[in-house]
Amino acid sequence: MGLLVDGIWRQDWYDTETSGGRFVRPPTRFRGRITADGSSGFPAEPGRYHLYVSYACPWAHRTLIFRALKGLADKVSVSVAEPLMGRDGWTLAEGADPVMGARFLYDVYRAADRTYTGRVTVPVLWDKQTGTIVSNESADIIRMFNSAFDAAGAAPGDYYPEPLRAEIDALNARIYDTVNNGVYRAGFATRQEAYDEAVTALFESLDWLEDRLSRQRYVAGDRLTEADWRLFTTLARFDAVYHGHFKCNLKRLVDYPSLWAFARELYQVPGVAATVRLDHIKAHYYGSHSTINPTGIVPKGPLVDFTQPHGRDMLFPVVSR
């Protein structure tokens, strides 16, 4: 994992020396918005935008899920990076980028800002018309996909409903800090106390979520929302990579009956399974993080079957709306 400094690529890993061995994720830089009326300067026009993602990355995975749920495949095109992240960061195969013709994602960032300084991350939402990055913040992109294209032919469905927004925001805050980013705080920690702190908070939240989902169908109640999908992308990777590679090994996902059934239910929502590529996920984490796994050997297991019946529709029938 490198970064750009004044537009020059550098192969620097995260600095944990100044943070007590703790991994600190830097903020995203591009925070533009696509809006239905175009008041933001980025109108919701089918065919105008292009999404750069990796199947391996949980943040990019969120955007792929919302693109599928909202039926935006014919409205927002996509380029998928190679799973292995080498010395040049996220790499695009020959012909994988029909918009820019880029081979490295840092070229896309430099096209938006020739003096950009910061990490080069996925997802990236690109505006073909103005030739710049709209956003590289997954939380913003999924909300754009959730509603901005509704008048432009998107599929029905609101995963950030007005009556639940305060609760969803509160749930997202805890889940992000202790689960989504918590696994990274454990896996990228370079001191014992930093790892202990992160892994303890992670499993406290997983225990809390297990209890919550044993009493209700979804994280925010009886309705599938953004909070569920943000949690799902971490759960989908948990046993395959976070349990072993990131040392998040107090329990496996399959040891939590409700969380495991919940994850299977979300995987089985139409369109979602195609966004889950465990081959890319394992190849990326084990093959790219040389500071954690210097041999680059990718383990054969575990075998995770998300296609097993989940049974949650029998426990918690969906309330018609």
C-alpha atoms as a PDB file:
ATOM      1  CA  MET A   1       0.000   0.000   0.000  1.00  0.00           C
ATOM      2  CA  GLY A   2       1.613   3.215  -1.156  1.00  0.00           C
ATOM      3  CA  LEU A   3       0.518   6.794  -1.507  1.00  0.00           C
ATOM      4  CA  LEU A   4       0.934   9.877  -3.653  1.00  0.00           C
ATOM      5  CA  VAL A   5       2.892  12.855  -2.326  1.00  0.00           C
ATOM      6  CA  ASP A   6       2.485  15.959  -4.496  1.00  0.00           C
ATOM      7  CA  GLY A   7       1.481  13.618  -7.317  1.00  0.00           C
ATOM      8  CA  ILE A   8       4.567  11.380  -6.949  1.00  0.00           C
ATOM      9  CA  TRP A   9       4.009   7.702  -6.082  1.00  0.00           C
ATOM     10  CA  ARG A  10       5.746   6.442  -2.946  1.00  0.00           C
ATOM     11  CA  GLN A  11       5.757   2.919  -1.539  1.00  0.00           C
ATOM     12  CA  ASP A  12       5.163   3.751   2.112  1.00  0.00           C
ATOM     13  CA  TRP A  13       3.243   1.528   4.527  1.00  0.00           C
ATOM     14  CA  TYR A  14       1.092   3.026   7.264  1.00  0.00           C
ATOM     15  CA  ASP A  15       2.992   4.787  10.026  1.00  0.00           C
ATOM     16  CA  THR A  16       2.080   3.311  13.409  1.00  0.00           C
ATOM     17  CA  GLU A  17       5.134   4.499  15.321  1.00  0.00           C
ATOM     18  CA  THR A  18       3.612   7.870  16.146  1.00  0.00           C
ATOM     19  CA  SER A  19       0.261   6.372  17.191  1.00  0.00           C
ATOM     20  CA  GLY A  20       1.342   3.860  19.796  1.00  0.00           C
ATOM     21  CA  GLY A  21       1.191   0.953  17.369  1.00  0.00           C
ATOM     22  CA  ARG A  22      -2.383   1.789  16.399  1.00  0.00           C
ATOM     23  CA  PHE A  23      -3.616   1.817  12.818  1.00  0.00           C
ATOM     24  CA  VAL A  24      -5.229   5.166  12.013  1.00  0.00           C
ATOM     25  CA  ARG A  25      -7.180   5.353   8.757  1.00  0.00           C
ATOM     26  CA  PRO A  26      -6.703   8.716   7.022  1.00  0.00           C
ATOM     27  CA  PRO A  27      -9.801  10.635   5.927  1.00  0.00           C
ATOM     28  CA  THR A  28     -10.952  10.518   2.334  1.00  0.00           C
ATOM     29  CA  ARG A  29     -10.293  13.582   0.208  1.00  0.00           C
ATOM     30  CA  PHE A  30     -12.925  13.672  -2.558  1.00  0.00           C
ATOM     31  CA  ARG A  31     -16.407  14.299  -1.158  1.00  0.00           C
ATOM     32  CA  GLY A  32     -18.514  15.503  -4.103  1.00  0.00           C
ATOM     33  CA  ARG A  33     -22.160  14.469  -4.507  1.00  0.00           C
ATOM     34  CA  ILE A  34     -24.346  13.254  -7.340  1.00  0.00           C
ATOM     35  CA  THR A  35     -27.787  14.796  -6.942  1.00  0.00           C
ATOM     36  CA  ALA A  36     -31.064  14.213  -8.730  1.00  0.00           C
ATOM     37  CA  ASP A  37     -31.439  17.906  -9.651  1.00  0.00           C
ATOM     38  CA  GLY A  38     -27.780  18.485 -10.472  1.00  0.00           C
ATOM     39  CA  SER A  39     -27.460  21.309  -7.946  1.00  0.00           C
ATOM     40  CA  SER A  40     -24.156  19.813  -6.763  1.00  0.00           C
ATOM     41  CA  GLY A  41     -22.632  20.063 -10.232  1.00  0.00           C
ATOM     42  CA  PHE A  42     -22.915  16.296 -10.640  1.00  0.00           C
ATOM     43  CA  PRO A  43     -26.396  15.475 -11.991  1.00  0.00           C
ATOM     44  CA  ALA A  44     -27.726  11.910 -11.888  1.00  0.00           C
ATOM     45  CA  GLU A  45     -27.320  11.146 -15.589  1.00  0.00           C
ATOM     46  CA  PRO A  46     -27.190   7.491 -16.680  1.00  0.00           C
ATOM     47  CA  GLY A  47     -23.908   6.646 -18.388  1.00  0.00           C
ATOM     48  CA  ARG A  48     -22.032   9.654 -17.026  1.00  0.00           C
ATOM     49  CA  TYR A  49     -20.221   7.997 -14.109  1.00  0.00           C
ATOM     50  CA  HIS A  50     -17.666   5.216 -13.775  1.00  0.00           C
ATOM     51  CA  LEU A  51     -16.815   3.254 -10.635  1.00  0.00           C
ATOM     52  CA  TYR A  52     -13.358   1.879  -9.835  1.00  0.00           C
ATOM     53  CA  VAL A  53     -13.480  -0.968  -7.322  1.00  0.00           C
ATOM     54  CA  SER A  54     -11.810  -4.081  -6.001  1.00  0.00           C
ATOM     55  CA  TYR A  55     -13.754  -7.225  -5.140  1.00  0.00           C
ATOM     56  CA  ALA A  56     -11.321  -7.655  -2.251  1.00  0.00           C
ATOM     57  CA  CYS A  57     -11.988  -4.322  -0.538  1.00  0.00           C
ATOM     58  CA  PRO A  58     -14.958  -4.188   1.879  1.00  0.00           C
ATOM     59  CA  TRP A  59     -15.441  -0.441   1.304  1.00  0.00           C
ATOM     60  CA  ALA A  60     -15.619  -0.894  -2.468  1.00  0.00           C
ATOM     61  CA  HIS A  61     -17.836  -3.927  -1.946  1.00  0.00           C
ATOM     62  CA  ARG A  62     -20.497  -1.701  -0.375  1.00  0.00           C
ATOM     63  CA  THR A  63     -20.761   0.298  -3.582  1.00  0.00           C
ATOM     64  CA  LEU A  64     -21.010  -2.816  -5.754  1.00  0.00           C
ATOM     65  CA  ILE A  65     -23.864  -4.076  -3.585  1.00  0.00           C
ATOM     66  CA  PHE A  66     -25.813  -0.813  -3.859  1.00  0.00           C
ATOM     67  CA  ARG A  67     -25.143  -0.688  -7.601  1.00  0.00           C
ATOM     68  CA  ALA A  68     -26.724  -4.159  -7.816  1.00  0.00           C
ATOM     69  CA  LEU A  69     -29.620  -3.506  -5.416  1.00  0.00           C
ATOM     70  CA  LYS A  70     -30.598  -0.287  -7.189  1.00  0.00           C
ATOM     71  CA  GLY A  71     -30.289  -1.713 -10.694  1.00  0.00           C
ATOM     72  CA  LEU A  72     -27.557   0.702 -11.733  1.00  0.00           C
ATOM     73  CA  ALA A  73     -25.410  -1.680 -13.780  1.00  0.00           C
ATOM     74  CA  ASP A  74     -26.539  -0.045 -17.037  1.00  0.00           C
ATOM     75  CA  LYS A  75     -26.207   3.462 -15.581  1.00  0.00           C
ATOM     76  CA  VAL A  76     -22.843   3.381 -13.792  1.00  0.00           C
ATOM     77  CA  SER A  77     -20.028   1.465 -15.510  1.00  0.00           C
ATOM     78  CA  VAL A  78     -17.316  -0.269 -13.500  1.00  0.00           C
ATOM     79  CA  SER A  79     -13.645  -1.270 -13.596  1.00  0.00           C
ATOM     80  CA  VAL A  80     -12.342  -3.959 -11.245  1.00  0.00           C
ATOM     81  CA  ALA A  81      -8.761  -3.880  -9.975  1.00  0.00           C
ATOM     82  CA  GLU A  82      -6.571  -6.956  -9.798  1.00  0.00           C
ATOM     83  CA  PRO A  83      -6.700  -8.695  -6.385  1.00  0.00           C
ATOM     84  CA  LEU A  84      -2.964  -8.487  -5.738  1.00  0.00           C
ATOM     85  CA  MET A  85      -1.723  -5.080  -4.673  1.00  0.00           C
ATOM     86  CA  GLY A  86       1.945  -4.807  -5.563  1.00  0.00           C
ATOM     87  CA  ARG A  87       4.532  -2.043  -5.534  1.00  0.00           C
ATOM     88  CA  ASP A  88       2.306   0.207  -7.643  1.00  0.00           C
ATOM     89  CA  GLY A  89      -0.812  -0.185  -5.510  1.00  0.00           C
ATOM     90  CA  TRP A  90      -4.151  -1.074  -7.058  1.00  0.00           C
ATOM     91  CA  THR A  91      -3.526  -2.277 -10.612  1.00  0.00           C
ATOM     92  CA  LEU A  92      -5.939  -2.547 -13.526  1.00  0.00           C
ATOM     93  CA  ALA A  93      -5.485  -5.288 -16.109  1.00  0.00           C
ATOM     94  CA  GLU A  94      -4.898  -4.345 -19.729  1.00  0.00           C
ATOM     95  CA  GLY A  95      -8.228  -3.149 -21.131  1.00  0.00           C
ATOM     96  CA  ALA A  96      -9.963  -3.105 -17.752  1.00  0.00           C
ATOM     97  CA  ASP A  97     -10.412   0.674 -17.792  1.00  0.00           C
ATOM     98  CA  PRO A  98     -12.400   1.749 -20.870  1.00  0.00           C
ATOM     99  CA  VAL A  99     -12.627   5.337 -19.601  1.00  0.00           C
ATOM    100  CA  MET A 100      -9.086   6.403 -18.757  1.00  0.00           C
ATOM    101  CA  GLY A 101      -7.063   3.487 -20.054  1.00  0.00           C
ATOM    102  CA  ALA A 102      -5.260   3.568 -16.709  1.00  0.00           C
ATOM    103  CA  ARG A 103      -3.068   0.686 -15.551  1.00  0.00           C
ATOM    104  CA  PHE A 104      -2.674   1.957 -11.983  1.00  0.00           C
ATOM    105  CA  LEU A 105      -5.300   3.587  -9.830  1.00  0.00           C
ATOM    106  CA  TYR A 106      -2.898   6.341  -8.876  1.00  0.00           C
ATOM    107  CA  ASP A 107      -3.094   7.500 -12.491  1.00  0.00           C
ATOM    108  CA  VAL A 108      -6.822   8.117 -11.995  1.00  0.00           C
ATOM    109  CA  TYR A 109      -6.107  10.180  -8.884  1.00  0.00           C
ATOM    110  CA  ARG A 110      -3.436  12.178 -10.691  1.00  0.00           C
ATOM    111  CA  ALA A 111      -5.827  12.826 -13.569  1.00  0.00           C
ATOM    112  CA  ALA A 112      -8.172  14.469 -11.054  1.00  0.00           C
ATOM    113  CA  ASP A 113      -5.397  16.329  -9.207  1.00  0.00           C
ATOM    114  CA  ARG A 114      -1.825  16.326 -10.486  1.00  0.00           C
ATOM    115  CA  THR A 115      -0.525  17.360  -7.055  1.00  0.00           C
ATOM    116  CA  TYR A 116      -2.688  14.985  -4.998  1.00  0.00           C
ATOM    117  CA  THR A 117      -1.257  13.908  -1.667  1.00  0.00           C
ATOM    118  CA  GLY A 118      -2.809  10.946   0.126  1.00  0.00           C
ATOM    119  CA  ARG A 119      -3.638   7.255  -0.044  1.00  0.00           C
ATOM    120  CA  VAL A 120      -4.878   5.806  -3.325  1.00  0.00           C
ATOM    121  CA  THR A 121      -7.926   3.783  -2.351  1.00  0.00           C
ATOM    122  CA  VAL A 122     -11.023   2.175  -3.808  1.00  0.00           C
ATOM    123  CA  PRO A 123     -13.834   2.879  -4.425  1.00  0.00           C
ATOM    124  CA  VAL A 124     -13.481   5.829  -6.778  1.00  0.00           C
ATOM    125  CA  LEU A 125     -16.488   7.374  -8.509  1.00  0.00           C
ATOM    126  CA  TRP A 126     -15.383   9.179 -11.677  1.00  0.00           C
ATOM    127  CA  ASP A 127     -17.285  11.775 -13.715  1.00  0.00           C
ATOM    128  CA  LYS A 128     -16.618  11.169 -17.406  1.00  0.00           C
ATOM    129  CA  GLN A 129     -17.959  14.580 -18.410  1.00  0.00           C
ATOM    130  CA  THR A 130     -15.835  16.828 -16.198  1.00  0.00           C
ATOM    131  CA  GLY A 131     -12.921  14.406 -16.008  1.00  0.00           C
ATOM    132  CA  THR A 132     -12.556  14.298 -12.253  1.00  0.00           C
ATOM    133  CA  ILE A 133     -13.260  12.215  -9.167  1.00  0.00           C
ATOM    134  CA  VAL A 134     -16.667  12.824  -7.627  1.00  0.00           C
ATOM    135  CA  SER A 135     -15.996  10.818  -4.476  1.00  0.00           C
ATOM    136  CA  ASN A 136     -13.684   8.231  -2.974  1.00  0.00           C
ATOM    137  CA  GLU A 137     -15.795   7.862   0.175  1.00  0.00           C
ATOM    138  CA  SER A 138     -17.859   4.651   0.154  1.00  0.00           C
ATOM    139  CA  ALA A 139     -20.319   5.923   2.775  1.00  0.00           C
ATOM    140  CA  ASP A 140     -21.222   8.830   0.488  1.00  0.00           C
ATOM    141  CA  ILE A 141     -21.309   6.772  -2.703  1.00  0.00           C
ATOM    142  CA  ILE A 142     -23.817   4.242  -1.351  1.00  0.00           C
ATOM    143  CA  ARG A 143     -26.148   7.062  -0.323  1.00  0.00           C
ATOM    144  CA  MET A 144     -25.898   8.574  -3.794  1.00  0.00           C
ATOM    145  CA  PHE A 145     -26.733   5.205  -5.314  1.00  0.00           C
ATOM    146  CA  ASN A 146     -29.550   4.759  -2.796  1.00  0.00           C
ATOM    147  CA  SER A 147     -31.568   7.734  -3.993  1.00  0.00           C
ATOM    148  CA  ALA A 148     -29.958  10.040  -6.566  1.00  0.00           C
ATOM    149  CA  PHE A 149     -30.932   7.924  -9.588  1.00  0.00           C
ATOM    150  CA  ASP A 150     -34.497   7.150  -8.490  1.00  0.00           C
ATOM    151  CA  ALA A 151     -35.954   9.518 -11.086  1.00  0.00           C
ATOM    152  CA  ALA A 152     -33.534   8.202 -13.719  1.00  0.00           C
ATOM    153  CA  GLY A 153     -34.724   4.598 -13.721  1.00  0.00           C
ATOM    154  CA  ALA A 154     -33.133   3.078 -10.632  1.00  0.00           C
ATOM    155  CA  ALA A 155     -34.793   0.084  -9.002  1.00  0.00           C
ATOM    156  CA  PRO A 156     -37.107   0.787  -6.053  1.00  0.00           C
ATOM    157  CA  GLY A 157     -35.827   0.546  -2.510  1.00  0.00           C
ATOM    158  CA  ASP A 158     -34.755   3.004   0.180  1.00  0.00           C
ATOM    159  CA  TYR A 159     -32.028   1.736   2.504  1.00  0.00           C
ATOM    160  CA  TYR A 160     -31.740   5.022   4.400  1.00  0.00           C
ATOM    161  CA  PRO A 161     -35.386   5.778   5.273  1.00  0.00           C
ATOM    162  CA  GLU A 162     -36.091   9.090   6.968  1.00  0.00           C
ATOM    163  CA  PRO A 163     -37.708   7.666  10.157  1.00  0.00           C
ATOM    164  CA  LEU A 164     -34.671   5.452  10.869  1.00  0.00           C
ATOM    165  CA  ARG A 165     -31.839   7.791   9.929  1.00  0.00           C
ATOM    166  CA  ALA A 166     -30.801   8.771  13.447  1.00  0.00           C
ATOM    167  CA  GLU A 167     -30.716   5.139  14.544  1.00  0.00           C
ATOM    168  CA  ILE A 168     -28.890   4.029  11.382  1.00  0.00           C
ATOM    169  CA  ASP A 169     -26.266   6.746  11.885  1.00  0.00           C
ATOM    170  CA  ALA A 170     -25.708   5.689  15.502  1.00  0.00           C
ATOM    171  CA  LEU A 171     -25.447   2.011  14.528  1.00  0.00           C
ATOM    172  CA  ASN A 172     -23.060   2.824  11.691  1.00  0.00           C
ATOM    173  CA  ALA A 173     -20.798   4.776  14.034  1.00  0.00           C
ATOM    174  CA  ARG A 174     -20.301   1.892  16.453  1.00  0.00           C
ATOM    175  CA  ILE A 175     -20.093  -0.786  13.754  1.00  0.00           C
ATOM    176  CA  TYR A 176     -17.598   1.218  11.724  1.00  0.00           C
ATOM    177  CA  ASP A 177     -15.309   1.987  14.646  1.00  0.00           C
ATOM    178  CA  THR A 178     -15.251  -1.436  16.277  1.00  0.00           C
ATOM    179  CA  VAL A 179     -16.126  -3.891  13.474  1.00  0.00           C
ATOM    180  CA  ASN A 180     -15.575  -2.543   9.930  1.00  0.00           C
ATOM    181  CA  ASN A 181     -12.427  -0.661  10.877  1.00  0.00           C
ATOM    182  CA  GLY A 182     -11.935  -2.695  14.050  1.00  0.00           C
ATOM    183  CA  VAL A 183     -10.641  -5.717  12.148  1.00  0.00           C
ATOM    184  CA  TYR A 184      -8.020  -3.479  10.503  1.00  0.00           C
ATOM    185  CA  ARG A 185      -7.095  -1.917  13.820  1.00  0.00           C
ATOM    186  CA  ALA A 186      -6.418  -5.437  15.099  1.00  0.00           C
ATOM    187  CA  GLY A 187      -4.709  -6.720  11.959  1.00  0.00           C
ATOM    188  CA  PHE A 188      -2.471  -3.695  11.349  1.00  0.00           C
ATOM    189  CA  ALA A 189      -1.574  -3.111  15.007  1.00  0.00           C
ATOM    190  CA  THR A 190       2.164  -3.183  15.695  1.00  0.00           C
ATOM    191  CA  ARG A 191       2.055  -3.254  19.492  1.00  0.00           C
ATOM    192  CA  GLN A 192       0.370  -5.762  21.759  1.00  0.00           C
ATOM    193  CA  GLU A 193      -1.705  -3.218  23.664  1.00  0.00           C
ATOM    194  CA  ALA A 194      -3.040  -1.732  20.434  1.00  0.00           C
ATOM    195  CA  TYR A 195      -4.045  -5.183  19.178  1.00  0.00           C
ATOM    196  CA  ASP A 196      -5.631  -6.138  22.523  1.00  0.00           C
ATOM    197  CA  GLU A 197      -7.623  -2.914  22.581  1.00  0.00           C
ATOM    198  CA  ALA A 198      -8.958  -3.404  19.053  1.00  0.00           C
ATOM    199  CA  VAL A 199      -9.774  -7.103  19.252  1.00  0.00           C
ATOM    200  CA  THR A 200     -11.559  -6.701  22.597  1.00  0.00           C
ATOM    201  CA  ALA A 201     -13.786  -3.936  21.228  1.00  0.00           C
ATOM    202  CA  LEU A 202     -14.415  -5.976  18.075  1.00  0.00           C
ATOM    203  CA  PHE A 203     -15.742  -9.019  19.885  1.00  0.00           C
ATOM    204  CA  GLU A 204     -17.725  -6.948  22.360  1.00  0.00           C
ATOM    205  CA  SER A 205     -19.558  -5.491  19.357  1.00  0.00           C
ATOM    206  CA  LEU A 206     -19.980  -8.867  17.670  1.00  0.00           C
ATOM    207  CA  ASP A 207     -21.485 -10.237  20.894  1.00  0.00           C
ATOM    208  CA  TRP A 208     -23.790  -7.197  21.029  1.00  0.00           C
ATOM    209  CA  LEU A 209     -24.834  -7.711  17.415  1.00  0.00           C
ATOM    210  CA  GLU A 210     -25.431 -11.414  17.991  1.00  0.00           C
ATOM    211  CA  ASP A 211     -27.802 -10.592  20.834  1.00  0.00           C
ATOM    212  CA  ARG A 212     -29.530  -7.882  18.805  1.00  0.00           C
ATOM    213  CA  LEU A 213     -30.024 -10.135  15.778  1.00  0.00           C
ATOM    214  CA  SER A 214     -31.337 -12.960  17.934  1.00  0.00           C
ATOM    215  CA  ARG A 215     -34.285 -10.683  18.791  1.00  0.00           C
ATOM    216  CA  GLN A 216     -34.902  -8.865  15.497  1.00  0.00           C
ATOM    217  CA  ARG A 217     -34.347  -9.632  11.845  1.00  0.00           C
ATOM    218  CA  TYR A 218     -32.123  -6.717  10.893  1.00  0.00           C
ATOM    219  CA  VAL A 219     -29.704  -4.393  12.635  1.00  0.00           C
ATOM    220  CA  ALA A 220     -32.148  -1.467  12.759  1.00  0.00           C
ATOM    221  CA  GLY A 221     -35.308  -3.539  13.295  1.00  0.00           C
ATOM    222  CA  ASP A 222     -37.617  -5.289  10.833  1.00  0.00           C
ATOM    223  CA  ARG A 223     -36.405  -3.412   7.752  1.00  0.00           C
ATOM    224  CA  LEU A 224     -33.278  -4.022   5.675  1.00  0.00           C
ATOM    225  CA  THR A 225     -31.174  -0.850   5.722  1.00  0.00           C
ATOM    226  CA  GLU A 226     -27.783   0.591   4.934  1.00  0.00           C
ATOM    227  CA  ALA A 227     -26.577  -0.480   8.386  1.00  0.00           C
ATOM    228  CA  ASP A 228     -27.029  -4.141   7.433  1.00  0.00           C
ATOM    229  CA  TRP A 229     -25.067  -3.835   4.199  1.00  0.00           C
ATOM    230  CA  ARG A 230     -22.226  -1.944   5.853  1.00  0.00           C
ATOM    231  CA  LEU A 231     -21.936  -4.758   8.409  1.00  0.00           C
ATOM    232  CA  PHE A 232     -22.291  -7.506   5.801  1.00  0.00           C
ATOM    233  CA  THR A 233     -19.112  -6.700   3.874  1.00  0.00           C
ATOM    234  CA  THR A 234     -17.047  -7.304   7.014  1.00  0.00           C
ATOM    235  CA  LEU A 235     -18.924 -10.477   7.922  1.00  0.00           C
ATOM    236  CA  ALA A 236     -18.446 -11.827   4.396  1.00  0.00           C
ATOM    237  CA  ARG A 237     -14.666 -11.659   4.897  1.00  0.00           C
ATOM    238  CA  PHE A 238     -14.513 -12.615   8.541  1.00  0.00           C
ATOM    239  CA  ASP A 239     -13.794 -16.332   8.551  1.00  0.00           C
ATOM    240  CA  ALA A 240     -11.908 -16.261   5.239  1.00  0.00           C
ATOM    241  CA  VAL A 241      -9.344 -13.600   6.193  1.00  0.00           C
ATOM    242  CA  TYR A 242      -9.957 -11.593   9.352  1.00  0.00           C
ATOM    243  CA  HIS A 243     -10.091 -14.582  11.707  1.00  0.00           C
ATOM    244  CA  GLY A 244      -6.687 -15.894  10.657  1.00  0.00           C
ATOM    245  CA  HIS A 245      -4.788 -13.197   8.784  1.00  0.00           C
ATOM    246  CA  PHE A 246      -5.814 -10.336  11.098  1.00  0.00           C
ATOM    247  CA  LYS A 247      -5.723 -12.480  14.275  1.00  0.00           C
ATOM    248  CA  CYS A 248      -9.403 -11.801  15.047  1.00  0.00           C
ATOM    249  CA  ASN A 249      -9.688 -15.306  16.376  1.00  0.00           C
ATOM    250  CA  LEU A 250     -11.625 -15.327  19.631  1.00  0.00           C
ATOM    251  CA  LYS A 251     -14.562 -16.706  17.620  1.00  0.00           C
ATOM    252  CA  ARG A 252     -15.473 -17.352  13.998  1.00  0.00           C
ATOM    253  CA  LEU A 253     -18.541 -15.949  12.296  1.00  0.00           C
ATOM    254  CA  VAL A 254     -19.988 -19.467  12.144  1.00  0.00           C
ATOM    255  CA  ASP A 255     -19.794 -19.605  15.967  1.00  0.00           C
ATOM    256  CA  TYR A 256     -22.459 -16.870  16.152  1.00  0.00           C
ATOM    257  CA  PRO A 257     -25.781 -18.511  15.182  1.00  0.00           C
ATOM    258  CA  SER A 258     -27.702 -15.301  14.516  1.00  0.00           C
ATOM    259  CA  LEU A 259     -24.889 -13.361  12.837  1.00  0.00           C
ATOM    260  CA  TRP A 260     -24.043 -16.340  10.625  1.00  0.00           C
ATOM    261  CA  ALA A 261     -27.681 -16.804   9.560  1.00  0.00           C
ATOM    262  CA  PHE A 262     -27.991 -13.038   9.014  1.00  0.00           C
ATOM    263  CA  ALA A 263     -24.914 -13.031   6.761  1.00  0.00           C
ATOM    264  CA  ARG A 264     -26.311 -15.909   4.723  1.00  0.00           C
ATOM    265  CA  GLU A 265     -29.642 -14.116   4.320  1.00  0.00           C
ATOM    266  CA  LEU A 266     -27.974 -10.992   2.953  1.00  0.00           C
ATOM    267  CA  TYR A 267     -25.736 -13.011   0.652  1.00  0.00           C
ATOM    268  CA  GLN A 268     -28.845 -14.635  -0.806  1.00  0.00           C
ATOM    269  CA  VAL A 269     -30.565 -11.332  -1.641  1.00  0.00           C
ATOM    270  CA  PRO A 270     -30.814 -11.271  -5.471  1.00  0.00           C
ATOM    271  CA  GLY A 271     -27.748  -9.709  -7.078  1.00  0.00           C
ATOM    272  CA  VAL A 272     -25.529  -9.810  -3.991  1.00  0.00           C
ATOM    273  CA  ALA A 273     -23.795 -13.187  -4.423  1.00  0.00           C
ATOM    274  CA  ALA A 274     -22.160 -12.001  -7.652  1.00  0.00           C
ATOM    275  CA  THR A 275     -20.441  -9.205  -5.696  1.00  0.00           C
ATOM    276  CA  VAL A 276     -18.806 -11.625  -3.229  1.00  0.00           C
ATOM    277  CA  ARG A 277     -15.540 -12.968  -4.649  1.00  0.00           C
ATOM    278  CA  LEU A 278     -13.773 -14.963  -1.954  1.00  0.00           C
ATOM    279  CA  ASP A 279     -11.012 -15.851  -4.424  1.00  0.00           C
ATOM    280  CA  HIS A 280     -10.157 -12.156  -4.844  1.00  0.00           C
ATOM    281  CA  ILE A 281     -10.553 -11.537  -1.111  1.00  0.00           C
ATOM    282  CA  LYS A 282      -8.133 -14.269  -0.009  1.00  0.00           C
ATOM    283  CA  ALA A 283      -5.632 -13.573  -2.793  1.00  0.00           C
ATOM    284  CA  HIS A 284      -5.540  -9.882  -1.878  1.00  0.00           C
ATOM    285  CA  TYR A 285      -5.230 -10.064   1.890  1.00  0.00           C
ATOM    286  CA  TYR A 286      -2.787 -12.958   2.107  1.00  0.00           C
ATOM    287  CA  GLY A 287      -0.868 -12.021  -1.029  1.00  0.00           C
ATOM    288  CA  SER A 288      -0.624  -8.245  -0.654  1.00  0.00           C
ATOM    289  CA  HIS A 289       0.053  -7.638   3.051  1.00  0.00           C
ATOM    290  CA  SER A 290       3.703  -8.615   3.132  1.00  0.00           C
ATOM    291  CA  THR A 291       4.253  -7.020   6.544  1.00  0.00           C
ATOM    292  CA  ILE A 292       1.744  -9.504   8.003  1.00  0.00           C
ATOM    293  CA  ASN A 293       2.230 -12.517   5.704  1.00  0.00           C
ATOM    294  CA  PRO A 294       5.735 -12.185   4.203  1.00  0.00           C
ATOM    295  CA  THR A 295       5.591 -15.534   2.361  1.00  0.00           C
ATOM    296  CA  GLY A 296       2.445 -14.523   0.452  1.00  0.00           C
ATOM    297  CA  ILE A 297       1.032 -18.025   0.807  1.00  0.00           C
ATOM    298  CA  VAL A 298      -2.770 -18.095   0.415  1.00  0.00           C
ATOM    299  CA  PRO A 299      -4.434 -20.799   2.544  1.00  0.00           C
ATOM    300  CA  LYS A 300      -6.891 -23.235   0.988  1.00  0.00           C
ATOM    301  CA  GLY A 301      -9.443 -22.879   3.780  1.00  0.00           C
ATOM    302  CA  PRO A 302     -11.693 -22.249   5.431  1.00  0.00           C
ATOM    303  CA  LEU A 303     -14.595 -23.245   3.195  1.00  0.00           C
ATOM    304  CA  VAL A 304     -17.461 -20.814   3.842  1.00  0.00           C
ATOM    305  CA  ASP A 305     -20.855 -21.730   2.365  1.00  0.00           C
ATOM    306  CA  PHE A 306     -23.171 -18.728   2.276  1.00  0.00           C
ATOM    307  CA  THR A 307     -25.750 -20.666   0.244  1.00  0.00           C
ATOM    308  CA  GLN A 308     -27.011 -22.741   3.186  1.00  0.00           C
ATOM    309  CA  PRO A 309     -30.650 -21.977   4.121  1.00  0.00           C
ATOM    310  CA  HIS A 310     -30.734 -19.154   6.653  1.00  0.00           C
ATOM    311  CA  GLY A 311     -34.210 -19.648   8.164  1.00  0.00           C
ATOM    312  CA  ARG A 312     -34.578 -16.046   9.279  1.00  0.00           C
ATOM    313  CA  ASP A 313     -37.751 -15.574   7.265  1.00  0.00           C
ATOM    314  CA  MET A 314     -39.384 -18.208   9.502  1.00  0.00           C
ATOM    315  CA  LEU A 315     -38.151 -16.588  12.716  1.00  0.00           C
ATOM    316  CA  PHE A 316     -38.902 -12.998  11.688  1.00  0.00           C
ATOM    317  CA  PRO A 317     -41.504 -12.637   8.934  1.00  0.00           C
ATOM    318  CA  VAL A 318     -41.036  -9.392   7.006  1.00  0.00           C
ATOM    319  CA  VAL A 319     -43.677  -6.800   7.794  1.00  0.00           C
ATOM    320  CA  SER A 320     -45.404  -5.652   4.605  1.00  0.00           C
ATOM    321  CA  ARG A 321     -45.198  -1.907   3.895  1.00  0.00           C
END
